[in-house]
C-alpha atoms as a PDB file:
ATOM      1  CA  UNK A   1    -142.922 238.987 172.822  1.00  0.00           C
ATOM      2  CA  UNK A   2    -141.615 241.730 170.566  1.00  0.00           C
ATOM      3  CA  UNK A   3    -140.014 240.850 167.255  1.00  0.00           C
ATOM      4  CA  UNK A   4    -137.997 243.037 164.979  1.00  0.00           C
ATOM      5  CA  UNK A   5    -139.793 244.238 161.905  1.00  0.00           C
ATOM      6  CA  UNK A   6    -138.938 242.441 158.679  1.00  0.00           C
ATOM      7  CA  UNK A   7    -136.955 244.467 156.211  1.00  0.00           C
ATOM      8  CA  UNK A   8    -137.978 243.829 152.583  1.00  0.00           C
ATOM      9  CA  UNK A   9    -135.267 242.097 150.498  1.00  0.00           C
ATOM     10  CA  UNK A  10    -133.276 240.981 153.541  1.00  0.00           C
ATOM     11  CA  UNK A  11    -132.706 237.296 154.296  1.00  0.00           C
ATOM     12  CA  UNK A  12    -131.679 235.540 157.430  1.00  0.00           C
ATOM     13  CA  UNK A  13    -128.061 234.386 157.584  1.00  0.00           C
ATOM     14  CA  UNK A  14    -128.872 230.838 158.711  1.00  0.00           C
ATOM     15  CA  UNK A  15    -131.874 228.641 158.161  1.00  0.00           C
ATOM     16  CA  UNK A  16    -134.015 227.565 161.076  1.00  0.00           C
ATOM     17  CA  UNK A  17    -135.311 224.145 161.964  1.00  0.00           C
ATOM     18  CA  UNK A  18    -134.841 221.229 159.585  1.00  0.00           C
ATOM     19  CA  UNK A  19    -133.399 223.417 156.826  1.00  0.00           C
ATOM     20  CA  UNK A  20    -129.986 223.615 158.411  1.00  0.00           C
ATOM     21  CA  UNK A  21    -129.683 219.809 158.468  1.00  0.00           C
ATOM     22  CA  UNK A  22    -130.222 219.536 154.709  1.00  0.00           C
ATOM     23  CA  UNK A  23    -126.619 220.565 154.101  1.00  0.00           C
ATOM     24  CA  UNK A  24    -125.121 217.725 156.154  1.00  0.00           C
ATOM     25  CA  UNK A  25    -126.234 214.841 153.861  1.00  0.00           C
ATOM     26  CA  UNK A  26    -124.700 216.712 150.932  1.00  0.00           C
ATOM     27  CA  UNK A  27    -121.361 217.376 152.624  1.00  0.00           C
ATOM     28  CA  UNK A  28    -120.684 213.862 153.926  1.00  0.00           C
ATOM     29  CA  UNK A  29    -120.559 212.145 150.494  1.00  0.00           C
ATOM     30  CA  UNK A  30    -118.540 215.037 149.073  1.00  0.00           C
ATOM     31  CA  UNK A  31    -116.022 214.703 151.877  1.00  0.00           C
ATOM     32  CA  UNK A  32    -115.836 210.915 151.369  1.00  0.00           C
ATOM     33  CA  UNK A  33    -115.144 211.325 147.648  1.00  0.00           C
ATOM     34  CA  UNK A  34    -112.455 213.927 148.305  1.00  0.00           C
ATOM     35  CA  UNK A  35    -110.699 211.744 150.885  1.00  0.00           C
ATOM     36  CA  UNK A  36    -110.793 208.642 148.669  1.00  0.00           C
ATOM     37  CA  UNK A  37    -109.335 210.639 145.781  1.00  0.00           C
ATOM     38  CA  UNK A  38    -106.509 211.925 147.999  1.00  0.00           C
ATOM     39  CA  UNK A  39    -105.807 208.385 149.200  1.00  0.00           C
ATOM     40  CA  UNK A  40    -105.598 207.081 145.624  1.00  0.00           C
ATOM     41  CA  UNK A  41    -103.256 209.885 144.580  1.00  0.00           C
ATOM     42  CA  UNK A  42    -100.988 209.220 147.552  1.00  0.00           C
ATOM     43  CA  UNK A  43    -100.997 205.454 146.954  1.00  0.00           C
ATOM     44  CA  UNK A  44    -100.174 205.654 143.249  1.00  0.00           C
ATOM     45  CA  UNK A  45     -97.274 208.092 143.393  1.00  0.00           C
ATOM     46  CA  UNK A  46     -94.226 206.332 142.060  1.00  0.00           C
ATOM     47  CA  UNK A  47     -91.147 205.950 144.213  1.00  0.00           C
ATOM     48  CA  UNK A  48     -88.144 208.066 143.359  1.00  0.00           C
ATOM     49  CA  UNK A  49     -86.093 206.803 140.425  1.00  0.00           C
ATOM     50  CA  UNK A  50     -83.085 204.836 141.592  1.00  0.00           C
ATOM     51  CA  UNK A  51     -80.117 202.902 140.261  1.00  0.00           C
ATOM     52  CA  UNK A  52     -79.061 199.564 141.727  1.00  0.00           C
ATOM     53  CA  UNK A  53     -75.562 199.293 143.187  1.00  0.00           C
ATOM     54  CA  UNK A  54     -73.955 195.949 144.090  1.00  0.00           C
ATOM     55  CA  UNK A  55     -71.806 196.218 147.207  1.00  0.00           C
ATOM     56  CA  UNK A  56     -68.207 195.128 146.565  1.00  0.00           C
ATOM     57  CA  UNK A  57     -65.714 193.789 149.159  1.00  0.00           C
ATOM     58  CA  UNK A  58     -64.273 196.764 151.034  1.00  0.00           C
ATOM     59  CA  UNK A  59     -67.273 199.009 150.333  1.00  0.00           C
ATOM     60  CA  UNK A  60     -68.881 200.797 153.237  1.00  0.00           C
ATOM     61  CA  UNK A  61     -72.072 202.782 153.164  1.00  0.00           C
ATOM     62  CA  UNK A  62     -69.951 205.845 153.933  1.00  0.00           C
ATOM     63  CA  UNK A  63     -67.671 205.243 150.919  1.00  0.00           C
ATOM     64  CA  UNK A  64     -70.672 204.707 148.642  1.00  0.00           C
ATOM     65  CA  UNK A  65     -72.331 207.869 149.964  1.00  0.00           C
ATOM     66  CA  UNK A  66     -69.053 209.760 149.549  1.00  0.00           C
ATOM     67  CA  UNK A  67     -68.784 208.609 145.933  1.00  0.00           C
ATOM     68  CA  UNK A  68     -72.363 209.695 145.231  1.00  0.00           C
ATOM     69  CA  UNK A  69     -72.459 212.951 147.216  1.00  0.00           C
ATOM     70  CA  UNK A  70     -73.124 216.025 145.162  1.00  0.00           C
ATOM     71  CA  UNK A  71     -70.234 218.493 144.829  1.00  0.00           C
ATOM     72  CA  UNK A  72     -69.876 220.487 148.063  1.00  0.00           C
ATOM     73  CA  UNK A  73     -72.565 218.441 149.838  1.00  0.00           C
ATOM     74  CA  UNK A  74     -72.179 217.032 153.334  1.00  0.00           C
ATOM     75  CA  UNK A  75     -71.665 213.280 152.951  1.00  0.00           C
ATOM     76  CA  UNK A  76     -74.076 212.635 155.820  1.00  0.00           C
ATOM     77  CA  UNK A  77     -76.936 213.969 153.676  1.00  0.00           C
ATOM     78  CA  UNK A  78     -76.147 211.456 150.936  1.00  0.00           C
ATOM     79  CA  UNK A  79     -75.758 208.694 153.520  1.00  0.00           C
ATOM     80  CA  UNK A  80     -79.133 209.518 155.099  1.00  0.00           C
ATOM     81  CA  UNK A  81     -80.889 209.562 151.703  1.00  0.00           C
ATOM     82  CA  UNK A  82     -79.431 206.188 150.696  1.00  0.00           C
ATOM     83  CA  UNK A  83     -80.394 204.649 154.057  1.00  0.00           C
ATOM     84  CA  UNK A  84     -83.940 206.008 153.802  1.00  0.00           C
ATOM     85  CA  UNK A  85     -84.400 204.781 150.237  1.00  0.00           C
ATOM     86  CA  UNK A  86     -83.271 201.264 151.198  1.00  0.00           C
ATOM     87  CA  UNK A  87     -84.986 201.120 154.582  1.00  0.00           C
ATOM     88  CA  UNK A  88     -81.672 200.494 156.357  1.00  0.00           C
ATOM     89  CA  UNK A  89     -81.736 200.882 160.130  1.00  0.00           C
ATOM     90  CA  UNK A  90     -77.940 200.883 160.346  1.00  0.00           C
ATOM     91  CA  UNK A  91     -74.995 201.443 158.033  1.00  0.00           C
ATOM     92  CA  UNK A  92     -74.101 197.738 157.966  1.00  0.00           C
ATOM     93  CA  UNK A  93     -73.856 196.344 154.416  1.00  0.00           C
ATOM     94  CA  UNK A  94     -72.314 193.152 153.045  1.00  0.00           C
ATOM     95  CA  UNK A  95     -70.622 192.318 149.733  1.00  0.00           C
ATOM     96  CA  UNK A  96     -73.140 191.194 147.134  1.00  0.00           C
ATOM     97  CA  UNK A  97     -75.947 193.192 148.704  1.00  0.00           C
ATOM     98  CA  UNK A  98     -77.893 195.301 146.227  1.00  0.00           C
ATOM     99  CA  UNK A  99     -78.705 198.796 147.376  1.00  0.00           C
ATOM    100  CA  UNK A 100     -80.550 201.509 145.535  1.00  0.00           C
ATOM    101  CA  UNK A 101     -78.909 204.867 144.863  1.00  0.00           C
ATOM    102  CA  UNK A 102     -81.131 207.847 144.005  1.00  0.00           C
ATOM    103  CA  UNK A 103     -80.875 208.501 140.269  1.00  0.00           C
ATOM    104  CA  UNK A 104     -79.781 212.108 140.678  1.00  0.00           C
ATOM    105  CA  UNK A 105     -76.849 210.911 142.797  1.00  0.00           C
ATOM    106  CA  UNK A 106     -75.903 208.213 140.283  1.00  0.00           C
ATOM    107  CA  UNK A 107     -75.838 210.819 137.515  1.00  0.00           C
ATOM    108  CA  UNK A 108     -73.644 213.090 139.647  1.00  0.00           C
ATOM    109  CA  UNK A 109     -71.302 210.138 140.327  1.00  0.00           C
ATOM    110  CA  UNK A 110     -70.895 209.522 136.574  1.00  0.00           C
ATOM    111  CA  UNK A 111     -70.249 213.201 135.934  1.00  0.00           C
ATOM    112  CA  UNK A 112     -67.479 213.347 138.614  1.00  0.00           C
ATOM    113  CA  UNK A 113     -65.450 210.551 137.074  1.00  0.00           C
END
């Protein structure tokens, strides 16, 4: 069998035999540490700041969203954000219920008054 002549100062691009498997035990723990760090970062992020709003008789989720919509904003966007923040599957609310309003919307509501 003919082999190419070795060129001085030139190395092979990949190791042969057992050498290539030496990298695997080093990568697995590194990957595990990276994934656990990402999980901790994701788990410790604080929820968005919110203000509590007590539903009054006659209030609807639409009227609350309308009152807290940013100037020129589609009310449906405010409604969707309030529903998502409170985990509401529908727009049904009752007097006395406490719902959370995103802080940036509560500040905009105060500024519009």
